[in-house]
Amino acid sequence: MKNSRRLKPVARFAHQQERTAARQLGDSLRRAEQLQKHLDDLVEYRDQYVAGFKAAGAQGLSVVKLRDYQLFLRRLDNAIMQQRHHLLASRQQCQHSQNEWHNRHGHSKMIDKVIDNRKQAENRKRDEQEQREIDDRPTSSTDPNRPDH
């Protein structure tokens, strides 16, 4: 069996790992997008809630209502802070996934290049062998045993 053929299973495995890494990268990018969207929604909701709080405050608020607004705003701020933390972790995971895909992609390309180089070497060797066989054959015009017509 030729050397290039022996490497085919290695190449298939490397390509499979590359595809898996690409899928994981896509999943982590989608997750980061979802977390960003959720953070944007929380910030927008908080901004709307603050606007409502200011409008209600302009008309006068009871101490209980004021405390409820403040308590809810603190909860929203905590949720926003947690969401930012989750988003940061997700972006770090995206970077890790991207690095992993990049490494797998490079490995896969390297194996493909090795296979191509071996195929070229095999082809050169085959061509040289064929040429030697042609060169070793006696030519019909220089064959001393051949009678002239």
Protein backbone atom coordinates (compact mmCIF):
# COMPACT_ATOMS: atom_id res chain seq x y z
CA MET A 1 0.00 0.00 0.00
CA LYS A 2 1.29 3.45 -0.88
CA ASN A 3 2.35 5.83 1.87
CA SER A 4 -0.16 8.44 0.76
CA ARG A 5 -3.01 5.93 1.11
CA ARG A 6 -1.93 4.95 4.59
CA LEU A 7 -2.39 8.54 5.70
CA LYS A 8 -5.97 8.82 4.41
CA PRO A 9 -7.53 7.62 7.72
CA VAL A 10 -5.36 10.12 9.58
CA ALA A 11 -6.56 12.87 7.24
CA ARG A 12 -10.21 11.83 7.68
CA PHE A 13 -9.80 11.93 11.45
CA ALA A 14 -8.12 15.35 11.31
CA HIS A 15 -10.91 16.71 9.07
CA GLN A 16 -13.53 15.30 11.45
CA GLN A 17 -11.82 17.04 14.38
CA GLU A 18 -11.69 20.26 12.38
CA ARG A 19 -15.43 20.04 11.61
CA THR A 20 -16.19 19.34 15.28
CA ALA A 21 -14.11 22.36 16.32
CA ALA A 22 -15.91 24.49 13.71
CA ARG A 23 -19.30 23.37 15.06
CA GLN A 24 -18.20 24.19 18.60
CA LEU A 25 -17.01 27.60 17.46
CA GLY A 26 -20.36 28.24 15.79
CA ASP A 27 -22.22 27.13 18.92
CA SER A 28 -20.14 29.39 21.16
CA LEU A 29 -20.64 32.34 18.79
CA ARG A 30 -24.40 31.79 18.80
CA ARG A 31 -24.37 31.54 22.61
CA ALA A 32 -22.45 34.82 22.87
CA GLU A 33 -24.95 36.47 20.52
CA GLN A 34 -27.85 35.25 22.66
CA LEU A 35 -26.18 36.51 25.83
CA GLN A 36 -25.49 39.87 24.19
CA LYS A 37 -29.12 40.14 23.07
CA HIS A 38 -30.33 39.28 26.59
CA LEU A 39 -27.97 41.90 28.06
CA ASP A 40 -29.21 44.50 25.58
CA ASP A 41 -32.81 43.65 26.51
CA LEU A 42 -32.03 43.98 30.24
CA VAL A 43 -30.32 47.34 29.75
CA GLU A 44 -33.21 48.59 27.61
CA TYR A 45 -35.74 47.40 30.19
CA ARG A 46 -33.76 49.08 32.97
CA ASP A 47 -33.65 52.35 30.98
CA GLN A 48 -37.41 52.19 30.45
CA TYR A 49 -37.95 51.40 34.13
CA VAL A 50 -35.76 54.37 35.18
CA ALA A 51 -37.71 56.64 32.84
CA GLY A 52 -40.95 55.40 34.41
CA PHE A 53 -39.47 55.90 37.86
CA LYS A 54 -38.49 59.49 37.03
CA ALA A 55 -41.93 60.23 35.60
CA ALA A 56 -43.62 58.76 38.66
CA GLY A 57 -41.17 60.59 40.94
CA ALA A 58 -42.07 63.91 39.32
CA GLN A 59 -45.65 63.36 40.43
CA GLY A 60 -44.58 62.31 43.92
CA LEU A 61 -44.03 58.86 45.31
CA SER A 62 -44.76 57.30 48.62
CA VAL A 63 -41.84 56.00 50.63
CA VAL A 64 -42.98 52.41 49.98
CA LYS A 65 -43.18 52.97 46.22
CA LEU A 66 -39.79 54.70 46.19
CA ARG A 67 -38.24 51.80 48.10
CA ASP A 68 -39.87 49.27 45.74
CA TYR A 69 -38.48 51.11 42.70
CA GLN A 70 -35.01 51.25 44.23
CA LEU A 71 -35.10 47.58 45.23
CA PHE A 72 -36.19 46.53 41.76
CA LEU A 73 -33.51 48.74 40.14
CA ARG A 74 -30.86 47.09 42.34
CA ARG A 75 -32.11 43.69 41.21
CA LEU A 76 -31.99 44.79 37.58
CA ASP A 77 -28.47 46.17 38.08
CA ASN A 78 -27.39 42.86 39.63
CA ALA A 79 -28.96 40.94 36.74
CA ILE A 80 -27.15 43.20 34.26
CA MET A 81 -23.86 42.72 36.10
CA GLN A 82 -24.32 38.93 36.09
CA GLN A 83 -25.26 38.97 32.42
CA ARG A 84 -22.11 40.95 31.62
CA HIS A 85 -20.10 38.38 33.55
CA HIS A 86 -21.74 35.53 31.58
CA LEU A 87 -21.13 37.39 28.32
CA LEU A 88 -17.46 37.92 29.17
CA ALA A 89 -17.07 34.20 29.96
CA SER A 90 -18.86 33.35 26.72
CA ARG A 91 -16.56 35.60 24.70
CA GLN A 92 -13.56 33.94 26.31
CA GLN A 93 -15.04 30.58 25.32
CA CYS A 94 -15.46 31.91 21.77
CA GLN A 95 -11.79 32.87 21.72
CA HIS A 96 -10.82 29.44 23.02
CA SER A 97 -13.05 27.75 20.42
CA GLN A 98 -11.61 29.92 17.67
CA ASN A 99 -8.07 29.02 18.72
CA GLU A 100 -9.01 25.33 18.85
CA TRP A 101 -10.54 25.48 15.36
CA HIS A 102 -7.51 27.36 14.05
CA ASN A 103 -5.18 24.68 15.45
CA ARG A 104 -7.30 21.84 14.06
CA HIS A 105 -7.54 23.57 10.69
CA GLY A 106 -3.77 24.01 10.56
CA HIS A 107 -3.23 20.37 11.52
CA SER A 108 -5.66 19.22 8.86
CA LYS A 109 -3.97 21.36 6.19
CA MET A 110 -0.56 20.06 7.25
CA ILE A 111 -1.69 16.44 6.86
CA ASP A 112 -3.19 17.26 3.45
CA LYS A 113 0.13 18.79 2.41
CA VAL A 114 2.06 15.72 3.59
CA ILE A 115 -0.29 13.48 1.60
CA ASP A 116 0.08 15.68 -1.49
CA ASN A 117 3.87 15.66 -1.15
CA ARG A 118 3.90 11.90 -0.82
CA LYS A 119 1.62 11.51 -3.83
CA GLN A 120 3.93 13.72 -5.87
CA ALA A 121 6.94 11.69 -4.72
CA GLU A 122 5.12 8.45 -5.59
CA ASN A 123 4.22 9.83 -9.02
CA ARG A 124 7.81 10.94 -9.64
CA LYS A 125 9.09 7.55 -8.57
CA ARG A 126 6.56 5.81 -10.84
CA ASP A 127 7.47 8.09 -13.76
CA GLU A 128 11.19 7.47 -13.19
CA GLN A 129 10.58 3.72 -13.07
CA GLU A 130 8.58 3.85 -16.29
CA GLN A 131 11.31 5.92 -17.92
CA ARG A 132 13.98 3.45 -16.82
CA GLU A 133 11.91 0.60 -18.28
CA ILE A 134 11.61 2.50 -21.55
CA ASP A 135 15.31 3.32 -21.54
CA ASP A 136 16.22 -0.30 -20.81
CA ARG A 137 14.22 -1.65 -23.75
CA PRO A 138 16.28 -2.16 -26.84
CA THR A 139 15.25 0.15 -29.61
CA SER A 140 14.23 -1.41 -32.89
CA SER A 141 16.75 0.62 -34.95
CA THR A 142 19.73 -0.35 -32.83
CA ASP A 143 18.84 -3.99 -32.42
CA PRO A 144 21.83 -5.92 -33.83
CA ASN A 145 19.74 -9.08 -34.30
CA ARG A 146 17.20 -7.35 -36.48
CA PRO A 147 17.68 -7.85 -40.18
CA ASP A 148 17.44 -4.75 -42.32
CA HIS A 149 14.63 -4.63 -44.80
